[in-house]
Amino acid sequence: IASWPAPRVNAWDVLLQARAMENVCYSFGVNRIGIDGNDVPY
């Protein structure tokens, strides 16, 4: 579960997939959207 910022979202995509393959298991991740009170975009 995450608050993973937009500028690094490519890492989120790749690593979620990698965790599934290396652990021989299902993987999923839930991230938020929007802009928070510190002006961080998701």
PDB file of all heavy atoms in Angstrom:
ATOM      1  N   ILE A   1       0.873  -1.167   0.000  1.00  0.00           N
ATOM      2  CA  ILE A   1       0.000   0.000   0.000  1.00  0.00           C
ATOM      3  C   ILE A   1       0.914   1.221   0.000  1.00  0.00           C
ATOM      4  O   ILE A   1       1.963   1.212   0.642  1.00  0.00           O
ATOM      5  CB  ILE A   1      -0.952  -0.003   1.205  1.00  0.00           C
ATOM      6  CG1 ILE A   1      -0.172  -0.076   2.524  1.00  0.00           C
ATOM      7  CG2 ILE A   1      -1.930  -1.164   1.084  1.00  0.00           C
ATOM      8  CD1 ILE A   1      -1.031   0.104   3.743  1.00  0.00           C
ATOM      9  N   ALA A   2       0.525   2.283  -0.707  1.00  0.00           N
ATOM     10  CA  ALA A   2       1.533   3.299  -0.984  1.00  0.00           C
ATOM     11  C   ALA A   2       0.971   4.700  -1.140  1.00  0.00           C
ATOM     12  O   ALA A   2      -0.207   4.909  -1.431  1.00  0.00           O
ATOM     13  CB  ALA A   2       2.301   2.920  -2.255  1.00  0.00           C
ATOM     14  N   SER A   3       1.901   5.648  -0.932  1.00  0.00           N
ATOM     15  CA  SER A   3       1.776   7.027  -1.398  1.00  0.00           C
ATOM     16  C   SER A   3       3.036   7.273  -2.229  1.00  0.00           C
ATOM     17  O   SER A   3       3.981   7.920  -1.786  1.00  0.00           O
ATOM     18  CB  SER A   3       1.692   8.007  -0.224  1.00  0.00           C
ATOM     19  OG  SER A   3       0.514   7.814   0.513  1.00  0.00           O
ATOM     20  N   TRP A   4       3.045   6.704  -3.419  1.00  0.00           N
ATOM     21  CA  TRP A   4       4.238   6.694  -4.279  1.00  0.00           C
ATOM     22  C   TRP A   4       4.143   7.848  -5.269  1.00  0.00           C
ATOM     23  O   TRP A   4       3.264   7.875  -6.119  1.00  0.00           O
ATOM     24  CB  TRP A   4       4.321   5.358  -5.022  1.00  0.00           C
ATOM     25  CG  TRP A   4       5.660   5.073  -5.622  1.00  0.00           C
ATOM     26  CD1 TRP A   4       6.181   5.632  -6.748  1.00  0.00           C
ATOM     27  CD2 TRP A   4       6.640   4.147  -5.132  1.00  0.00           C
ATOM     28  NE1 TRP A   4       7.431   5.119  -7.005  1.00  0.00           N
ATOM     29  CE2 TRP A   4       7.744   4.195  -6.016  1.00  0.00           C
ATOM     30  CE3 TRP A   4       6.696   3.291  -4.034  1.00  0.00           C
ATOM     31  CZ2 TRP A   4       8.870   3.411  -5.846  1.00  0.00           C
ATOM     32  CZ3 TRP A   4       7.831   2.501  -3.869  1.00  0.00           C
ATOM     33  CH2 TRP A   4       8.910   2.571  -4.766  1.00  0.00           C
ATOM     34  N   PRO A   5       5.059   8.831  -5.196  1.00  0.00           N
ATOM     35  CA  PRO A   5       4.918  10.058  -5.992  1.00  0.00           C
ATOM     36  C   PRO A   5       5.062   9.835  -7.496  1.00  0.00           C
ATOM     37  O   PRO A   5       5.745   8.905  -7.950  1.00  0.00           O
ATOM     38  CB  PRO A   5       6.057  10.945  -5.466  1.00  0.00           C
ATOM     39  CG  PRO A   5       6.417  10.376  -4.134  1.00  0.00           C
ATOM     40  CD  PRO A   5       6.183   8.902  -4.252  1.00  0.00           C
ATOM     41  N   ALA A   6       4.431  10.711  -8.248  1.00  0.00           N
ATOM     42  CA  ALA A   6       4.417  10.619  -9.705  1.00  0.00           C
ATOM     43  C   ALA A   6       5.809  10.601 -10.346  1.00  0.00           C
ATOM     44  O   ALA A   6       6.034   9.837 -11.283  1.00  0.00           O
ATOM     45  CB  ALA A   6       3.585  11.764 -10.282  1.00  0.00           C
ATOM     46  N   PRO A   7       6.784  11.423  -9.879  1.00  0.00           N
ATOM     47  CA  PRO A   7       8.069  11.443 -10.584  1.00  0.00           C
ATOM     48  C   PRO A   7       8.806  10.107 -10.596  1.00  0.00           C
ATOM     49  O   PRO A   7       9.650   9.875 -11.466  1.00  0.00           O
ATOM     50  CB  PRO A   7       8.879  12.496  -9.801  1.00  0.00           C
ATOM     51  CG  PRO A   7       7.845  13.388  -9.195  1.00  0.00           C
ATOM     52  CD  PRO A   7       6.712  12.483  -8.846  1.00  0.00           C
ATOM     53  N   ARG A   8       8.484   9.215  -9.666  1.00  0.00           N
ATOM     54  CA  ARG A   8       9.193   7.919  -9.598  1.00  0.00           C
ATOM     55  C   ARG A   8       8.254   6.739  -9.835  1.00  0.00           C
ATOM     56  O   ARG A   8       8.542   5.612  -9.428  1.00  0.00           O
ATOM     57  CB  ARG A   8       9.881   7.784  -8.231  1.00  0.00           C
ATOM     58  CG  ARG A   8      10.990   8.805  -8.022  1.00  0.00           C
ATOM     59  CD  ARG A   8      11.680   8.649  -6.677  1.00  0.00           C
ATOM     60  NE  ARG A   8      10.799   8.966  -5.565  1.00  0.00           N
ATOM     61  CZ  ARG A   8      10.563  10.202  -5.107  1.00  0.00           C
ATOM     62  NH1 ARG A   8      11.132  11.249  -5.718  1.00  0.00           N
ATOM     63  NH2 ARG A   8       9.758  10.409  -4.077  1.00  0.00           N
ATOM     64  N   VAL A   9       7.137   6.984 -10.511  1.00  0.00           N
ATOM     65  CA  VAL A   9       6.142   5.936 -10.648  1.00  0.00           C
ATOM     66  C   VAL A   9       6.621   4.805 -11.556  1.00  0.00           C
ATOM     67  O   VAL A   9       6.136   3.665 -11.449  1.00  0.00           O
ATOM     68  CB  VAL A   9       4.801   6.515 -11.145  1.00  0.00           C
ATOM     69  CG1 VAL A   9       4.856   6.837 -12.645  1.00  0.00           C
ATOM     70  CG2 VAL A   9       3.643   5.575 -10.829  1.00  0.00           C
ATOM     71  N   ASN A  10       7.582   5.061 -12.436  1.00  0.00           N
ATOM     72  CA  ASN A  10       8.099   3.984 -13.273  1.00  0.00           C
ATOM     73  C   ASN A  10       8.737   2.894 -12.421  1.00  0.00           C
ATOM     74  O   ASN A  10       8.590   1.695 -12.705  1.00  0.00           O
ATOM     75  CB  ASN A  10       9.120   4.523 -14.280  1.00  0.00           C
ATOM     76  CG  ASN A  10       9.670   3.428 -15.175  1.00  0.00           C
ATOM     77  OD1 ASN A  10       8.923   2.812 -15.939  1.00  0.00           O
ATOM     78  ND2 ASN A  10      10.962   3.155 -15.084  1.00  0.00           N
ATOM     79  N   ALA A  11       9.423   3.288 -11.353  1.00  0.00           N
ATOM     80  CA  ALA A  11      10.018   2.298 -10.452  1.00  0.00           C
ATOM     81  C   ALA A  11       8.931   1.465  -9.786  1.00  0.00           C
ATOM     82  O   ALA A  11       9.072   0.249  -9.610  1.00  0.00           O
ATOM     83  CB  ALA A  11      10.879   2.996  -9.397  1.00  0.00           C
ATOM     84  N   TRP A  12       7.849   2.109  -9.392  1.00  0.00           N
ATOM     85  CA  TRP A  12       6.709   1.396  -8.801  1.00  0.00           C
ATOM     86  C   TRP A  12       6.192   0.312  -9.751  1.00  0.00           C
ATOM     87  O   TRP A  12       6.010  -0.843  -9.356  1.00  0.00           O
ATOM     88  CB  TRP A  12       5.621   2.416  -8.482  1.00  0.00           C
ATOM     89  CG  TRP A  12       4.244   1.907  -8.195  1.00  0.00           C
ATOM     90  CD1 TRP A  12       3.196   1.840  -9.074  1.00  0.00           C
ATOM     91  CD2 TRP A  12       3.729   1.436  -6.937  1.00  0.00           C
ATOM     92  NE1 TRP A  12       2.069   1.367  -8.451  1.00  0.00           N
ATOM     93  CE2 TRP A  12       2.370   1.113  -7.137  1.00  0.00           C
ATOM     94  CE3 TRP A  12       4.280   1.275  -5.673  1.00  0.00           C
ATOM     95  CZ2 TRP A  12       1.551   0.618  -6.123  1.00  0.00           C
ATOM     96  CZ3 TRP A  12       3.467   0.797  -4.651  1.00  0.00           C
ATOM     97  CH2 TRP A  12       2.124   0.465  -4.879  1.00  0.00           C
ATOM     98  N   ASP A  13       5.989   0.673 -11.006  1.00  0.00           N
ATOM     99  CA  ASP A  13       5.471  -0.283 -11.992  1.00  0.00           C
ATOM    100  C   ASP A  13       6.409  -1.473 -12.162  1.00  0.00           C
ATOM    101  O   ASP A  13       5.982  -2.633 -12.134  1.00  0.00           O
ATOM    102  CB  ASP A  13       5.287   0.409 -13.346  1.00  0.00           C
ATOM    103  CG  ASP A  13       4.258   1.528 -13.325  1.00  0.00           C
ATOM    104  OD1 ASP A  13       3.384   1.514 -12.441  1.00  0.00           O
ATOM    105  OD2 ASP A  13       4.340   2.410 -14.194  1.00  0.00           O
ATOM    106  N   VAL A  14       7.681  -1.192 -12.349  1.00  0.00           N
ATOM    107  CA  VAL A  14       8.660  -2.249 -12.625  1.00  0.00           C
ATOM    108  C   VAL A  14       8.864  -3.158 -11.412  1.00  0.00           C
ATOM    109  O   VAL A  14       8.903  -4.388 -11.531  1.00  0.00           O
ATOM    110  CB  VAL A  14       9.998  -1.626 -13.066  1.00  0.00           C
ATOM    111  CG1 VAL A  14      11.090  -2.695 -13.163  1.00  0.00           C
ATOM    112  CG2 VAL A  14       9.832  -0.902 -14.400  1.00  0.00           C
ATOM    113  N   LEU A  15       8.981  -2.549 -10.238  1.00  0.00           N
ATOM    114  CA  LEU A  15       9.296  -3.339  -9.053  1.00  0.00           C
ATOM    115  C   LEU A  15       8.123  -4.193  -8.583  1.00  0.00           C
ATOM    116  O   LEU A  15       8.328  -5.293  -8.058  1.00  0.00           O
ATOM    117  CB  LEU A  15       9.789  -2.426  -7.928  1.00  0.00           C
ATOM    118  CG  LEU A  15      11.116  -1.715  -8.214  1.00  0.00           C
ATOM    119  CD1 LEU A  15      11.482  -0.764  -7.081  1.00  0.00           C
ATOM    120  CD2 LEU A  15      12.235  -2.723  -8.439  1.00  0.00           C
ATOM    121  N   LEU A  16       6.898  -3.725  -8.758  1.00  0.00           N
ATOM    122  CA  LEU A  16       5.748  -4.570  -8.437  1.00  0.00           C
ATOM    123  C   LEU A  16       5.766  -5.848  -9.263  1.00  0.00           C
ATOM    124  O   LEU A  16       5.493  -6.944  -8.755  1.00  0.00           O
ATOM    125  CB  LEU A  16       4.441  -3.815  -8.712  1.00  0.00           C
ATOM    126  CG  LEU A  16       3.814  -2.996  -7.593  1.00  0.00           C
ATOM    127  CD1 LEU A  16       2.520  -2.360  -8.093  1.00  0.00           C
ATOM    128  CD2 LEU A  16       3.547  -3.834  -6.352  1.00  0.00           C
ATOM    129  N   GLN A  17       6.084  -5.703 -10.521  1.00  0.00           N
ATOM    130  CA  GLN A  17       6.162  -6.861 -11.407  1.00  0.00           C
ATOM    131  C   GLN A  17       7.326  -7.769 -11.015  1.00  0.00           C
ATOM    132  O   GLN A  17       7.188  -9.000 -10.978  1.00  0.00           O
ATOM    133  CB  GLN A  17       6.314  -6.381 -12.856  1.00  0.00           C
ATOM    134  CG  GLN A  17       6.230  -7.470 -13.900  1.00  0.00           C
ATOM    135  CD  GLN A  17       6.348  -6.899 -15.313  1.00  0.00           C
ATOM    136  OE1 GLN A  17       6.961  -5.853 -15.516  1.00  0.00           O
ATOM    137  NE2 GLN A  17       5.776  -7.579 -16.276  1.00  0.00           N
ATOM    138  N   ALA A  18       8.460  -7.165 -10.678  1.00  0.00           N
ATOM    139  CA  ALA A  18       9.633  -7.945 -10.291  1.00  0.00           C
ATOM    140  C   ALA A  18       9.386  -8.740  -9.016  1.00  0.00           C
ATOM    141  O   ALA A  18       9.805  -9.900  -8.902  1.00  0.00           O
ATOM    142  CB  ALA A  18      10.841  -7.024 -10.102  1.00  0.00           C
ATOM    143  N   ARG A  19       8.710  -8.119  -8.022  1.00  0.00           N
ATOM    144  CA  ARG A  19       8.446  -8.828  -6.774  1.00  0.00           C
ATOM    145  C   ARG A  19       7.610 -10.080  -7.014  1.00  0.00           C
ATOM    146  O   ARG A  19       7.781 -11.093  -6.328  1.00  0.00           O
ATOM    147  CB  ARG A  19       7.731  -7.924  -5.771  1.00  0.00           C
ATOM    148  CG  ARG A  19       8.487  -6.699  -5.256  1.00  0.00           C
ATOM    149  CD  ARG A  19       9.755  -7.023  -4.499  1.00  0.00           C
ATOM    150  NE  ARG A  19      10.878  -7.162  -5.380  1.00  0.00           N
ATOM    151  CZ  ARG A  19      11.636  -6.159  -5.820  1.00  0.00           C
ATOM    152  NH1 ARG A  19      11.379  -4.936  -5.440  1.00  0.00           N
ATOM    153  NH2 ARG A  19      12.665  -6.404  -6.627  1.00  0.00           N
ATOM    154  N   ALA A  20       6.700 -10.044  -7.983  1.00  0.00           N
ATOM    155  CA  ALA A  20       5.890 -11.222  -8.302  1.00  0.00           C
ATOM    156  C   ALA A  20       6.765 -12.335  -8.868  1.00  0.00           C
ATOM    157  O   ALA A  20       6.688 -13.490  -8.424  1.00  0.00           O
ATOM    158  CB  ALA A  20       4.794 -10.848  -9.301  1.00  0.00           C
ATOM    159  N   MET A  21       7.605 -12.007  -9.819  1.00  0.00           N
ATOM    160  CA  MET A  21       8.394 -13.025 -10.501  1.00  0.00           C
ATOM    161  C   MET A  21       9.455 -13.635  -9.598  1.00  0.00           C
ATOM    162  O   MET A  21       9.644 -14.858  -9.570  1.00  0.00           O
ATOM    163  CB  MET A  21       9.028 -12.430 -11.763  1.00  0.00           C
ATOM    164  CG  MET A  21       8.003 -12.102 -12.837  1.00  0.00           C
ATOM    165  SD  MET A  21       8.741 -11.545 -14.395  1.00  0.00           S
ATOM    166  CE  MET A  21       9.242  -9.889 -13.942  1.00  0.00           C
ATOM    167  N   GLU A  22      10.171 -12.810  -8.846  1.00  0.00           N
ATOM    168  CA  GLU A  22      11.259 -13.348  -8.035  1.00  0.00           C
ATOM    169  C   GLU A  22      10.757 -14.155  -6.844  1.00  0.00           C
ATOM    170  O   GLU A  22      11.450 -15.046  -6.348  1.00  0.00           O
ATOM    171  CB  GLU A  22      12.169 -12.218  -7.553  1.00  0.00           C
ATOM    172  CG  GLU A  22      11.549 -11.300  -6.519  1.00  0.00           C
ATOM    173  CD  GLU A  22      12.366 -10.040  -6.293  1.00  0.00           C
ATOM    174  OE1 GLU A  22      13.345  -9.828  -7.025  1.00  0.00           O
ATOM    175  OE2 GLU A  22      12.008  -9.268  -5.385  1.00  0.00           O
ATOM    176  N   ASN A  23       9.547 -13.848  -6.375  1.00  0.00           N
ATOM    177  CA  ASN A  23       8.992 -14.555  -5.228  1.00  0.00           C
ATOM    178  C   ASN A  23       8.031 -15.668  -5.622  1.00  0.00           C
ATOM    179  O   ASN A  23       7.494 -16.359  -4.749  1.00  0.00           O
ATOM    180  CB  ASN A  23       8.279 -13.568  -4.302  1.00  0.00           C
ATOM    181  CG  ASN A  23       9.253 -12.670  -3.573  1.00  0.00           C
ATOM    182  OD1 ASN A  23      10.169 -13.143  -2.912  1.00  0.00           O
ATOM    183  ND2 ASN A  23       9.068 -11.359  -3.689  1.00  0.00           N
ATOM    184  N   VAL A  24       7.818 -15.850  -6.913  1.00  0.00           N
ATOM    185  CA  VAL A  24       6.917 -16.871  -7.444  1.00  0.00           C
ATOM    186  C   VAL A  24       5.565 -16.799  -6.707  1.00  0.00           C
ATOM    187  O   VAL A  24       5.085 -17.764  -6.113  1.00  0.00           O
ATOM    188  CB  VAL A  24       7.524 -18.291  -7.344  1.00  0.00           C
ATOM    189  CG1 VAL A  24       6.747 -19.247  -8.256  1.00  0.00           C
ATOM    190  CG2 VAL A  24       8.993 -18.308  -7.712  1.00  0.00           C
ATOM    191  N   CYS A  25       4.975 -15.605  -6.752  1.00  0.00           N
ATOM    192  CA  CYS A  25       3.706 -15.370  -6.061  1.00  0.00           C
ATOM    193  C   CYS A  25       2.951 -14.272  -6.786  1.00  0.00           C
ATOM    194  O   CYS A  25       3.495 -13.592  -7.655  1.00  0.00           O
ATOM    195  CB  CYS A  25       3.963 -14.969  -4.604  1.00  0.00           C
ATOM    196  SG  CYS A  25       4.697 -13.328  -4.407  1.00  0.00           S
ATOM    197  N   TYR A  26       1.689 -14.115  -6.440  1.00  0.00           N
ATOM    198  CA  TYR A  26       0.956 -12.946  -6.909  1.00  0.00           C
ATOM    199  C   TYR A  26       1.474 -11.698  -6.193  1.00  0.00           C
ATOM    200  O   TYR A  26       1.899 -11.764  -5.035  1.00  0.00           O
ATOM    201  CB  TYR A  26      -0.533 -13.088  -6.606  1.00  0.00           C
ATOM    202  CG  TYR A  26      -1.259 -14.109  -7.444  1.00  0.00           C
ATOM    203  CD1 TYR A  26      -1.540 -15.383  -6.946  1.00  0.00           C
ATOM    204  CD2 TYR A  26      -1.685 -13.806  -8.736  1.00  0.00           C
ATOM    205  CE1 TYR A  26      -2.226 -16.329  -7.703  1.00  0.00           C
ATOM    206  CE2 TYR A  26      -2.369 -14.736  -9.508  1.00  0.00           C
ATOM    207  CZ  TYR A  26      -2.630 -15.992  -8.982  1.00  0.00           C
ATOM    208  OH  TYR A  26      -3.307 -16.915  -9.747  1.00  0.00           O
ATOM    209  N   SER A  27       1.420 -10.565  -6.871  1.00  0.00           N
ATOM    210  CA  SER A  27       1.729  -9.301  -6.210  1.00  0.00           C
ATOM    211  C   SER A  27       0.725  -8.242  -6.666  1.00  0.00           C
ATOM    212  O   SER A  27       0.226  -8.293  -7.793  1.00  0.00           O
ATOM    213  CB  SER A  27       3.155  -8.825  -6.513  1.00  0.00           C
ATOM    214  OG  SER A  27       3.234  -8.167  -7.757  1.00  0.00           O
ATOM    215  N   PHE A  28       0.429  -7.324  -5.746  1.00  0.00           N
ATOM    216  CA  PHE A  28      -0.364  -6.161  -6.146  1.00  0.00           C
ATOM    217  C   PHE A  28       0.018  -4.983  -5.276  1.00  0.00           C
ATOM    218  O   PHE A  28       0.589  -5.133  -4.193  1.00  0.00           O
ATOM    219  CB  PHE A  28      -1.870  -6.443  -6.086  1.00  0.00           C
ATOM    220  CG  PHE A  28      -2.433  -6.748  -4.727  1.00  0.00           C
ATOM    221  CD1 PHE A  28      -2.732  -5.740  -3.821  1.00  0.00           C
ATOM    222  CD2 PHE A  28      -2.691  -8.056  -4.344  1.00  0.00           C
ATOM    223  CE1 PHE A  28      -3.268  -6.013  -2.576  1.00  0.00           C
ATOM    224  CE2 PHE A  28      -3.232  -8.349  -3.101  1.00  0.00           C
ATOM    225  CZ  PHE A  28      -3.512  -7.328  -2.212  1.00  0.00           C
ATOM    226  N   GLY A  29      -0.267  -3.794  -5.789  1.00  0.00           N
ATOM    227  CA  GLY A  29       0.018  -2.569  -5.056  1.00  0.00           C
ATOM    228  C   GLY A  29      -1.103  -1.570  -5.238  1.00  0.00           C
ATOM    229  O   GLY A  29      -1.645  -1.436  -6.343  1.00  0.00           O
ATOM    230  N   VAL A  30      -1.476  -0.902  -4.144  1.00  0.00           N
ATOM    231  CA  VAL A  30      -2.519   0.129  -4.184  1.00  0.00           C
ATOM    232  C   VAL A  30      -1.869   1.467  -3.871  1.00  0.00           C
ATOM    233  O   VAL A  30      -1.322   1.675  -2.783  1.00  0.00           O
ATOM    234  CB  VAL A  30      -3.647  -0.171  -3.174  1.00  0.00           C
ATOM    235  CG1 VAL A  30      -4.618   0.995  -3.120  1.00  0.00           C
ATOM    236  CG2 VAL A  30      -4.370  -1.460  -3.560  1.00  0.00           C
ATOM    237  N   ASN A  31      -1.929   2.373  -4.825  1.00  0.00           N
ATOM    238  CA  ASN A  31      -1.357   3.711  -4.674  1.00  0.00           C
ATOM    239  C   ASN A  31      -2.474   4.745  -4.756  1.00  0.00           C
ATOM    240  O   ASN A  31      -3.549   4.484  -5.309  1.00  0.00           O
ATOM    241  CB  ASN A  31      -0.321   3.964  -5.766  1.00  0.00           C
ATOM    242  CG  ASN A  31       0.532   5.184  -5.500  1.00  0.00           C
ATOM    243  OD1 ASN A  31       0.739   5.587  -4.360  1.00  0.00           O
ATOM    244  ND2 ASN A  31       1.044   5.795  -6.564  1.00  0.00           N
ATOM    245  N   ARG A  32      -2.237   5.919  -4.216  1.00  0.00           N
ATOM    246  CA  ARG A  32      -3.223   6.988  -4.251  1.00  0.00           C
ATOM    247  C   ARG A  32      -3.051   7.858  -5.488  1.00  0.00           C
ATOM    248  O   ARG A  32      -2.068   7.723  -6.247  1.00  0.00           O
ATOM    249  CB  ARG A  32      -3.114   7.859  -3.002  1.00  0.00           C
ATOM    250  CG  ARG A  32      -1.779   8.605  -2.876  1.00  0.00           C
ATOM    251  CD  ARG A  32      -1.876   9.777  -1.925  1.00  0.00           C
ATOM    252  NE  ARG A  32      -2.769  10.811  -2.450  1.00  0.00           N
ATOM    253  CZ  ARG A  32      -3.025  11.959  -1.835  1.00  0.00           C
ATOM    254  NH1 ARG A  32      -2.451  12.241  -0.677  1.00  0.00           N
ATOM    255  NH2 ARG A  32      -3.823  12.865  -2.385  1.00  0.00           N
ATOM    256  N   ILE A  33      -3.990   8.770  -5.696  1.00  0.00           N
ATOM    257  CA  ILE A  33      -3.874   9.771  -6.753  1.00  0.00           C
ATOM    258  C   ILE A  33      -4.016  11.151  -6.111  1.00  0.00           C
ATOM    259  O   ILE A  33      -4.212  11.281  -4.904  1.00  0.00           O
ATOM    260  CB  ILE A  33      -4.940   9.580  -7.849  1.00  0.00           C
ATOM    261  CG1 ILE A  33      -6.355   9.769  -7.260  1.00  0.00           C
ATOM    262  CG2 ILE A  33      -4.809   8.221  -8.507  1.00  0.00           C
ATOM    263  CD1 ILE A  33      -7.442   9.869  -8.327  1.00  0.00           C
ATOM    264  N   GLY A  34      -3.907  12.200  -6.945  1.00  0.00           N
ATOM    265  CA  GLY A  34      -4.139  13.564  -6.473  1.00  0.00           C
ATOM    266  C   GLY A  34      -2.866  14.279  -6.043  1.00  0.00           C
ATOM    267  O   GLY A  34      -1.752  13.806  -6.262  1.00  0.00           O
ATOM    268  N   ILE A  35      -3.038  15.440  -5.436  1.00  0.00           N
ATOM    269  CA  ILE A  35      -1.920  16.268  -4.948  1.00  0.00           C
ATOM    270  C   ILE A  35      -2.132  16.488  -3.460  1.00  0.00           C
ATOM    271  O   ILE A  35      -3.208  16.916  -3.034  1.00  0.00           O
ATOM    272  CB  ILE A  35      -1.855  17.611  -5.696  1.00  0.00           C
ATOM    273  CG1 ILE A  35      -1.623  17.364  -7.196  1.00  0.00           C
ATOM    274  CG2 ILE A  35      -0.734  18.488  -5.128  1.00  0.00           C
ATOM    275  CD1 ILE A  35      -1.665  18.630  -8.043  1.00  0.00           C
ATOM    276  N   ASP A  36      -1.126  16.199  -2.659  1.00  0.00           N
ATOM    277  CA  ASP A  36      -1.306  16.309  -1.209  1.00  0.00           C
ATOM    278  C   ASP A  36      -1.018  17.727  -0.710  1.00  0.00           C
ATOM    279  O   ASP A  36      -0.739  18.643  -1.494  1.00  0.00           O
ATOM    280  CB  ASP A  36      -0.474  15.248  -0.468  1.00  0.00           C
ATOM    281  CG  ASP A  36       1.027  15.496  -0.504  1.00  0.00           C
ATOM    282  OD1 ASP A  36       1.481  16.619  -0.842  1.00  0.00           O
ATOM    283  OD2 ASP A  36       1.776  14.552  -0.174  1.00  0.00           O
ATOM    284  N   GLY A  37      -1.068  17.915   0.605  1.00  0.00           N
ATOM    285  CA  GLY A  37      -0.887  19.231   1.198  1.00  0.00           C
ATOM    286  C   GLY A  37       0.508  19.788   1.085  1.00  0.00           C
ATOM    287  O   GLY A  37       0.736  20.975   1.355  1.00  0.00           O
ATOM    288  N   ASN A  38       1.459  18.945   0.669  1.00  0.00           N
ATOM    289  CA  ASN A  38       2.825  19.402   0.412  1.00  0.00           C
ATOM    290  C   ASN A  38       3.095  19.586  -1.076  1.00  0.00           C
ATOM    291  O   ASN A  38       4.249  19.689  -1.490  1.00  0.00           O
ATOM    292  CB  ASN A  38       3.832  18.391   0.995  1.00  0.00           C
ATOM    293  CG  ASN A  38       3.770  18.344   2.514  1.00  0.00           C
ATOM    294  OD1 ASN A  38       3.652  19.376   3.169  1.00  0.00           O
ATOM    295  ND2 ASN A  38       3.853  17.145   3.070  1.00  0.00           N
ATOM    296  N   ASP A  39       2.022  19.602  -1.874  1.00  0.00           N
ATOM    297  CA  ASP A  39       2.093  19.755  -3.339  1.00  0.00           C
ATOM    298  C   ASP A  39       2.828  18.600  -4.016  1.00  0.00           C
ATOM    299  O   ASP A  39       3.416  18.777  -5.089  1.00  0.00           O
ATOM    300  CB  ASP A  39       2.743  21.094  -3.723  1.00  0.00           C
ATOM    301  CG  ASP A  39       1.875  22.279  -3.340  1.00  0.00           C
ATOM    302  OD1 ASP A  39       0.636  22.157  -3.419  1.00  0.00           O
ATOM    303  OD2 ASP A  39       2.439  23.326  -2.938  1.00  0.00           O
ATOM    304  N   VAL A  40       2.795  17.433  -3.411  1.00  0.00           N
ATOM    305  CA  VAL A  40       3.372  16.238  -4.031  1.00  0.00           C
ATOM    306  C   VAL A  40       2.292  15.557  -4.879  1.00  0.00           C
ATOM    307  O   VAL A  40       1.208  15.262  -4.370  1.00  0.00           O
ATOM    308  CB  VAL A  40       3.893  15.260  -2.963  1.00  0.00           C
ATOM    309  CG1 VAL A  40       4.418  13.983  -3.620  1.00  0.00           C
ATOM    310  CG2 VAL A  40       4.987  15.910  -2.125  1.00  0.00           C
ATOM    311  N   PRO A  41       2.569  15.326  -6.176  1.00  0.00           N
ATOM    312  CA  PRO A  41       1.565  14.705  -7.038  1.00  0.00           C
ATOM    313  C   PRO A  41       1.665  13.171  -7.036  1.00  0.00           C
ATOM    314  O   PRO A  41       2.749  12.606  -6.933  1.00  0.00           O
ATOM    315  CB  PRO A  41       1.921  15.256  -8.421  1.00  0.00           C
ATOM    316  CG  PRO A  41       3.419  15.427  -8.363  1.00  0.00           C
ATOM    317  CD  PRO A  41       3.751  15.790  -6.929  1.00  0.00           C
ATOM    318  N   TYR A  42       0.502  12.537  -7.173  1.00  0.00           N
ATOM    319  CA  TYR A  42       0.419  11.066  -7.246  1.00  0.00           C
ATOM    320  C   TYR A  42      -0.471  10.699  -8.428  1.00  0.00           C
ATOM    321  O   TYR A  42      -1.512  11.319  -8.649  1.00  0.00           O
ATOM    322  CB  TYR A  42      -0.185  10.492  -5.971  1.00  0.00           C
ATOM    323  CG  TYR A  42       0.540  10.901  -4.710  1.00  0.00           C
ATOM    324  CD1 TYR A  42       0.160  12.057  -4.019  1.00  0.00           C
ATOM    325  CD2 TYR A  42       1.593  10.150  -4.201  1.00  0.00           C
ATOM    326  CE1 TYR A  42       0.814  12.440  -2.863  1.00  0.00           C
ATOM    327  CE2 TYR A  42       2.254  10.526  -3.044  1.00  0.00           C
ATOM    328  CZ  TYR A  42       1.857  11.672  -2.378  1.00  0.00           C
ATOM    329  OH  TYR A  42       2.503  12.065  -1.231  1.00  0.00           O
TER     330      TYR A  42
END
